[in-house]
Amino acid sequence: MARIFRDEDYRPRPNRKGSRPRTKNRPSHDSAALGLVTAVDRGRYRIVLADDAGAFPEDGRAVTAVRASHLRRQAVVPGDIVKVVGDTSGDEGTLARLVEITPRRTLLRRSADDTDPTERVIVANVDIMGIVTATVDPEPSYGLIDRALAAAIDAGITPLIVVTKTDLAPAEDIERRFSMADVDIVSSGLRDDGTLSDDAVAGRLADHISVLVGHSGVGKSTLTNALVPAADRATGHVNDVTGRGRHTSSSAVCLPLTAGGWLIDTPGVRSFGLAHVDRDGLIAAFPELTEATTECPRGCTHLADAPGCRLDSWVAEGRAGPGGVSRLESLRRLLSNAG
């Protein structure tokens, strides 16, 4: 017997494109509040809101925010200046929504190694990079310093070498090596109570957004605690066997400086890959050698076996300063790994 169909038996096929056309037009968020990202923790962002003058005061209202879905593929890091909407009261248990990352003035990046195309964004909108190194315990890692210099210069950030533990050994060797590298060097002396013995470092960082980078154990967190007494960053010791420090800071955090500005303390690093920096960018980080490369044959690789390379004679003539030999060796190591 044939089935009899009635009107109520009709089932229309669903529209594959949905019941409502999608739009690419997003809300303008004209009334969104401006804020500075100071910490990132498992998908939550701590943000200090700007005052009426557009500055980010130490005692400014802080909110916790989550990232809007359209930003889920974009890294949000300390130093980012963002726009937030929703509940910006900052009351306990409230969440705002991060809807926009404003254009970054600078962006500090690194890769796992020199051949890894995957870059890790570390911090944004930084003016000064404090490259922290100890005189001893652990010994200076000149390779890391040179890499950090290259990353800073490539990003348009002013580098500053900050020397710690000068009470254990003088900074003469460090100063000699970088005497013609066009980078300022300041010593960070500490009193027995953990306060700074002078204002050299604090004065350079005042009214800027700065970041400290360096190996574990060089005293970054100790320096941070001296610059920002309320920071209470964990400090550690150097392993007597390996000569390496252990990681005491597990995440980057942006802290207000007493003299004005913000300081970002980062976890200690074992390596600083420069896959994102091209050969010209690497050479630019060695200004005492840059002029010599202009006298090299066209297409010169500047490596030790490059015919007609001017770098060796330039250093032999003393034109790269007392640190010329070791700086040239460092440059060639970086160039040999560059694509």
Protein backbone atom coordinates (compact mmCIF):
# COMPACT_ATOMS: atom_id res chain seq x y z
CA MET A 1 0.00 0.00 0.00
CA ALA A 2 1.45 3.34 -1.05
CA ARG A 3 2.31 5.80 1.76
CA ILE A 4 0.29 8.99 1.85
CA PHE A 5 2.43 12.09 2.59
CA ARG A 6 0.94 15.00 4.45
CA ASP A 7 2.15 18.62 4.81
CA GLU A 8 3.58 17.92 8.27
CA ASP A 9 5.83 15.24 6.79
CA TYR A 10 7.84 17.85 4.84
CA ARG A 11 11.37 18.37 6.18
CA PRO A 12 13.30 21.12 4.39
CA ARG A 13 17.03 20.56 3.83
CA PRO A 14 19.13 22.84 6.09
CA ASN A 15 20.89 25.75 4.43
CA ARG A 16 24.57 24.86 4.32
CA LYS A 17 25.50 28.52 4.60
CA GLY A 18 23.50 28.96 7.77
CA SER A 19 20.30 30.76 8.47
CA ARG A 20 21.94 34.17 8.50
CA PRO A 21 24.70 35.47 6.26
CA ARG A 22 28.00 36.05 8.08
CA THR A 23 29.69 39.43 7.97
CA LYS A 24 33.32 40.44 8.12
CA ASN A 25 32.43 43.75 9.69
CA ARG A 26 33.40 43.71 13.34
CA PRO A 27 32.37 46.16 16.07
CA SER A 28 34.58 49.25 16.15
CA HIS A 29 34.91 49.24 19.95
CA ASP A 30 35.29 53.01 19.94
CA SER A 31 34.65 53.11 23.67
CA ALA A 32 37.19 50.40 24.52
CA ALA A 33 39.66 51.14 27.31
CA LEU A 34 43.39 51.28 26.57
CA GLY A 35 45.67 49.09 28.67
CA LEU A 36 49.20 47.74 29.09
CA VAL A 37 49.65 43.97 29.35
CA THR A 38 51.77 43.27 32.43
CA ALA A 39 51.44 39.49 32.79
CA VAL A 40 50.14 36.44 30.93
CA ASP A 41 48.99 33.32 32.75
CA ARG A 42 47.19 30.40 31.07
CA GLY A 43 44.93 32.43 28.84
CA ARG A 44 44.37 35.23 31.33
CA TYR A 45 45.91 38.65 30.78
CA ARG A 46 46.68 41.14 33.53
CA ILE A 47 46.25 44.65 32.15
CA VAL A 48 46.85 48.09 33.70
CA LEU A 49 44.43 50.64 32.26
CA ALA A 50 45.61 54.02 30.94
CA ASP A 51 44.74 57.23 32.76
CA ASP A 52 43.10 60.25 31.15
CA ALA A 53 46.49 61.36 29.79
CA GLY A 54 47.08 58.01 28.09
CA ALA A 55 49.85 56.98 30.51
CA PHE A 56 49.98 53.75 32.49
CA PRO A 57 50.51 54.77 36.13
CA GLU A 58 51.92 52.42 38.75
CA ASP A 59 48.70 52.65 40.74
CA GLY A 60 46.42 52.46 37.69
CA ARG A 61 43.36 50.25 37.73
CA ALA A 62 44.25 46.66 36.82
CA VAL A 63 41.87 44.22 35.18
CA THR A 64 42.00 40.58 34.17
CA ALA A 65 40.92 39.85 30.61
CA VAL A 66 40.44 36.99 28.19
CA ARG A 67 41.29 37.21 24.52
CA ALA A 68 38.53 37.66 21.94
CA SER A 69 38.10 34.73 19.55
CA HIS A 70 39.38 36.65 16.50
CA LEU A 71 42.75 37.12 18.29
CA ARG A 72 43.23 33.48 19.25
CA ARG A 73 46.02 32.97 16.69
CA GLN A 74 47.93 36.09 17.73
CA ALA A 75 50.45 36.16 20.55
CA VAL A 76 49.75 38.63 23.34
CA VAL A 77 52.85 39.39 25.43
CA PRO A 78 53.94 41.71 28.24
CA GLY A 79 54.42 45.21 26.90
CA ASP A 80 51.54 44.95 24.43
CA ILE A 81 49.20 47.94 24.45
CA VAL A 82 45.70 46.63 23.93
CA LYS A 83 42.04 47.61 23.97
CA VAL A 84 39.58 45.95 26.32
CA VAL A 85 35.79 46.04 26.65
CA GLY A 86 33.24 44.58 29.02
CA ASP A 87 33.70 44.69 32.77
CA THR A 88 36.72 46.93 33.34
CA SER A 89 35.97 47.61 36.99
CA GLY A 90 38.84 45.41 38.10
CA ASP A 91 36.69 43.92 40.86
CA GLU A 92 37.58 40.43 42.05
CA GLY A 93 36.06 37.72 39.91
CA THR A 94 35.39 39.98 36.91
CA LEU A 95 36.71 39.45 33.40
CA ALA A 96 37.16 42.00 30.64
CA ARG A 97 37.59 41.05 26.97
CA LEU A 98 40.75 41.89 25.02
CA VAL A 99 39.57 42.90 21.54
CA GLU A 100 42.52 44.63 19.87
CA ILE A 101 46.32 44.72 19.91
CA THR A 102 47.49 48.19 18.92
CA PRO A 103 50.41 48.52 16.45
CA ARG A 104 53.68 47.61 18.15
CA ARG A 105 56.61 50.02 18.13
CA THR A 106 59.11 47.22 18.68
CA LEU A 107 58.86 43.45 18.94
CA LEU A 108 61.54 41.25 20.51
CA ARG A 109 61.61 37.71 19.11
CA ARG A 110 63.80 34.64 19.28
CA SER A 111 63.77 31.12 17.86
CA ALA A 112 64.85 27.82 19.38
CA ASP A 113 67.97 27.83 17.18
CA ASP A 114 69.33 29.57 14.10
CA THR A 115 67.57 27.24 11.68
CA ASP A 116 64.17 26.96 13.35
CA PRO A 117 61.63 29.02 11.36
CA THR A 118 59.26 29.11 14.35
CA GLU A 119 59.66 32.39 16.20
CA ARG A 120 58.69 33.09 19.77
CA VAL A 121 57.51 36.59 20.59
CA ILE A 122 58.98 37.61 23.95
CA VAL A 123 57.91 41.22 24.64
CA ALA A 124 56.52 44.21 22.76
CA ASN A 125 56.96 48.00 22.75
CA VAL A 126 60.28 47.84 24.60
CA ASP A 127 62.69 50.81 24.38
CA ILE A 128 65.73 49.34 26.16
CA MET A 129 67.05 45.79 26.44
CA GLY A 130 69.19 45.25 29.51
CA ILE A 131 71.53 42.35 28.67
CA VAL A 132 72.51 41.10 32.12
CA THR A 133 75.82 39.31 32.62
CA ALA A 134 77.84 38.47 35.69
CA THR A 135 81.61 38.93 35.92
CA VAL A 136 81.92 35.45 37.48
CA ASP A 137 79.70 32.69 38.86
CA PRO A 138 78.72 32.11 36.06
CA GLU A 139 81.38 33.34 33.67
CA PRO A 140 80.19 35.78 30.97
CA SER A 141 78.58 34.08 27.98
CA TYR A 142 79.83 36.33 25.20
CA GLY A 143 78.01 34.30 22.58
CA LEU A 144 74.66 34.98 24.24
CA ILE A 145 75.49 38.66 24.69
CA ASP A 146 76.34 39.01 21.00
CA ARG A 147 73.12 37.24 20.04
CA ALA A 148 71.04 39.45 22.30
CA LEU A 149 72.74 42.52 20.83
CA ALA A 150 71.84 41.35 17.32
CA ALA A 151 68.21 40.69 18.32
CA ALA A 152 67.90 44.11 19.97
CA ILE A 153 69.40 46.05 17.09
CA ASP A 154 67.32 44.14 14.54
CA ALA A 155 64.18 45.00 16.55
CA GLY A 156 65.06 48.68 16.88
CA ILE A 157 65.63 48.37 20.65
CA THR A 158 68.50 50.17 22.40
CA PRO A 159 70.82 47.58 24.00
CA LEU A 160 72.45 48.13 27.39
CA ILE A 161 74.92 45.68 28.95
CA VAL A 162 74.30 45.44 32.69
CA VAL A 163 77.15 43.84 34.65
CA THR A 164 76.43 42.18 37.98
CA LYS A 165 78.59 40.63 40.72
CA THR A 166 81.28 43.27 40.33
CA ASP A 167 82.01 42.78 44.04
CA LEU A 168 83.41 39.35 43.12
CA ALA A 169 85.44 40.41 40.06
CA PRO A 170 85.90 43.63 38.05
CA ALA A 171 84.14 44.23 34.75
CA GLU A 172 87.38 45.07 32.89
CA ASP A 173 87.32 42.11 30.49
CA ILE A 174 83.72 42.81 29.51
CA GLU A 175 84.42 46.50 29.01
CA ARG A 176 87.52 45.73 26.94
CA ARG A 177 85.71 43.30 24.64
CA PHE A 178 82.89 45.72 23.85
CA SER A 179 84.95 48.93 23.93
CA MET A 180 84.22 49.65 20.25
CA ALA A 181 80.85 47.92 19.97
CA ASP A 182 78.84 51.14 20.36
CA VAL A 183 76.92 49.80 23.36
CA ASP A 184 76.78 51.33 26.82
CA ILE A 185 77.92 49.26 29.80
CA VAL A 186 76.78 49.91 33.36
CA SER A 187 77.65 48.06 36.54
CA SER A 188 75.01 47.03 39.02
CA GLY A 189 76.41 47.17 42.51
CA LEU A 190 74.32 45.97 45.46
CA ARG A 191 74.59 46.79 49.14
CA ASP A 192 74.29 44.11 51.81
CA ASP A 193 70.60 44.93 52.21
CA GLY A 194 69.92 44.22 48.53
CA THR A 195 69.51 47.85 47.45
CA LEU A 196 71.45 49.41 44.56
CA SER A 197 74.69 51.13 45.51
CA ASP A 198 74.17 53.81 42.86
CA ASP A 199 71.57 55.08 40.40
CA ALA A 200 73.39 54.09 37.17
CA VAL A 201 70.98 51.34 36.12
CA ALA A 202 67.81 52.91 37.53
CA GLY A 203 68.61 56.19 35.82
CA ARG A 204 68.99 54.55 32.42
CA LEU A 205 65.70 52.66 32.68
CA ALA A 206 63.56 55.46 34.14
CA ASP A 207 60.53 56.52 32.05
CA HIS A 208 61.04 53.68 29.54
CA ILE A 209 59.60 50.24 28.97
CA SER A 210 62.64 47.99 29.41
CA VAL A 211 63.35 44.27 29.42
CA LEU A 212 66.06 42.27 31.17
CA VAL A 213 67.47 39.16 29.45
CA GLY A 214 70.33 36.86 30.35
CA HIS A 215 71.37 33.41 31.48
CA SER A 216 69.94 31.94 34.65
CA GLY A 217 72.10 32.74 37.66
CA VAL A 218 73.47 36.08 36.45
CA GLY A 219 71.35 38.02 38.94
CA LYS A 220 68.43 39.26 36.86
CA SER A 221 65.84 38.60 39.53
CA THR A 222 68.08 40.04 42.25
CA LEU A 223 68.50 43.16 40.12
CA THR A 224 64.74 43.30 39.51
CA ASN A 225 64.07 43.13 43.26
CA ALA A 226 66.50 46.00 43.80
CA LEU A 227 64.86 48.13 41.09
CA VAL A 228 61.31 47.19 42.14
CA PRO A 229 61.37 46.33 45.87
CA ALA A 230 57.76 45.14 45.80
CA ALA A 231 58.48 42.63 43.00
CA ASP A 232 59.62 39.78 45.26
CA ARG A 233 61.00 37.80 42.32
CA ALA A 234 62.44 34.41 43.29
CA THR A 235 66.24 34.19 43.24
CA GLY A 236 68.49 31.16 42.94
CA HIS A 237 72.07 29.98 42.88
CA VAL A 238 74.54 28.66 40.33
CA ASN A 239 75.15 24.90 40.20
CA ASP A 240 78.70 24.17 41.36
CA VAL A 241 79.02 21.29 38.87
CA THR A 242 77.57 22.73 35.68
CA GLY A 243 78.28 26.40 36.32
CA ARG A 244 74.73 27.17 35.24
CA GLY A 245 71.95 28.85 37.11
CA ARG A 246 68.56 27.31 37.60
CA HIS A 247 65.36 28.92 36.34
CA THR A 248 63.82 30.90 39.19
CA SER A 249 61.41 33.02 37.13
CA SER A 250 58.95 30.96 35.11
CA SER A 251 57.24 33.75 33.18
CA ALA A 252 57.82 37.28 31.96
CA VAL A 253 56.21 39.97 34.07
CA CYS A 254 56.01 43.75 33.63
CA LEU A 255 56.68 45.71 36.82
CA PRO A 256 56.40 49.45 37.59
CA LEU A 257 59.66 51.28 38.27
CA THR A 258 59.80 53.71 41.18
CA ALA A 259 61.40 56.37 38.97
CA GLY A 260 58.76 55.90 36.28
CA GLY A 261 58.40 53.47 33.43
CA TRP A 262 58.07 49.70 33.40
CA LEU A 263 60.54 46.82 33.67
CA ILE A 264 59.93 43.38 32.15
CA ASP A 265 61.82 40.54 33.82
CA THR A 266 62.06 37.40 31.68
CA PRO A 267 62.99 33.82 32.59
CA GLY A 268 66.64 32.92 32.17
CA VAL A 269 67.52 31.64 28.70
CA ARG A 270 69.88 28.88 27.62
CA SER A 271 69.97 29.97 23.96
CA PHE A 272 68.86 32.83 21.75
CA GLY A 273 68.12 31.71 18.20
CA LEU A 274 68.36 34.32 15.45
CA ALA A 275 66.61 32.63 12.53
CA HIS A 276 64.61 35.84 11.94
CA VAL A 277 67.73 38.05 11.56
CA ASP A 278 69.31 38.17 8.09
CA ARG A 279 73.04 38.43 7.37
CA ASP A 280 73.02 42.22 7.09
CA GLY A 281 71.23 42.41 10.42
CA LEU A 282 73.89 40.24 12.05
CA ILE A 283 76.72 42.38 10.68
CA ALA A 284 74.98 45.53 11.93
CA ALA A 285 75.35 44.21 15.49
CA PHE A 286 79.16 44.41 15.08
CA PRO A 287 79.70 48.10 14.23
CA GLU A 288 83.46 47.91 14.81
CA LEU A 289 83.59 45.44 11.88
CA THR A 290 80.87 46.84 9.64
CA GLU A 291 83.09 49.35 7.83
CA ALA A 292 85.56 46.62 6.93
CA THR A 293 82.85 44.60 5.16
CA THR A 294 82.32 47.49 2.72
CA GLU A 295 85.88 46.90 1.47
CA CYS A 296 85.33 43.19 0.87
CA PRO A 297 84.78 41.73 -2.62
CA ARG A 298 81.22 41.70 -3.85
CA GLY A 299 79.33 38.66 -2.56
CA CYS A 300 81.88 38.02 0.21
CA THR A 301 80.58 35.62 2.86
CA HIS A 302 82.96 37.14 5.46
CA LEU A 303 83.83 33.65 6.69
CA ALA A 304 87.40 32.59 7.47
CA ASP A 305 87.94 30.97 4.07
CA ALA A 306 86.38 33.79 2.03
CA PRO A 307 88.91 34.98 -0.59
CA GLY A 308 89.80 38.65 -0.26
CA CYS A 309 87.81 39.17 2.96
CA ARG A 310 88.97 42.37 4.63
CA LEU A 311 87.96 41.43 8.18
CA ASP A 312 91.12 39.59 9.23
CA SER A 313 93.49 42.39 8.25
CA TRP A 314 91.12 44.97 9.76
CA VAL A 315 91.31 43.22 13.12
CA ALA A 316 95.07 42.64 12.84
CA GLU A 317 95.54 46.39 12.31
CA GLY A 318 93.76 47.00 15.62
CA ARG A 319 90.91 48.87 13.98
CA ALA A 320 88.28 46.77 15.78
CA GLY A 321 89.69 47.48 19.23
CA PRO A 322 91.08 45.10 21.86
CA GLY A 323 88.07 42.81 21.56
CA GLY A 324 88.32 42.55 17.78
CA VAL A 325 89.57 38.96 17.58
CA SER A 326 86.87 37.43 19.76
CA ARG A 327 84.15 39.62 18.25
CA LEU A 328 85.16 38.55 14.73
CA GLU A 329 85.06 34.89 15.77
CA SER A 330 81.58 35.44 17.19
CA LEU A 331 80.33 37.17 14.04
CA ARG A 332 81.62 34.33 11.86
CA ARG A 333 79.87 31.73 14.03
CA LEU A 334 76.60 33.59 13.56
CA LEU A 335 77.14 34.01 9.81
CA SER A 336 77.97 30.32 9.36
CA ASN A 337 74.56 29.43 10.82
CA ALA A 338 72.62 32.09 8.90
CA GLY A 339 70.60 31.16 5.85
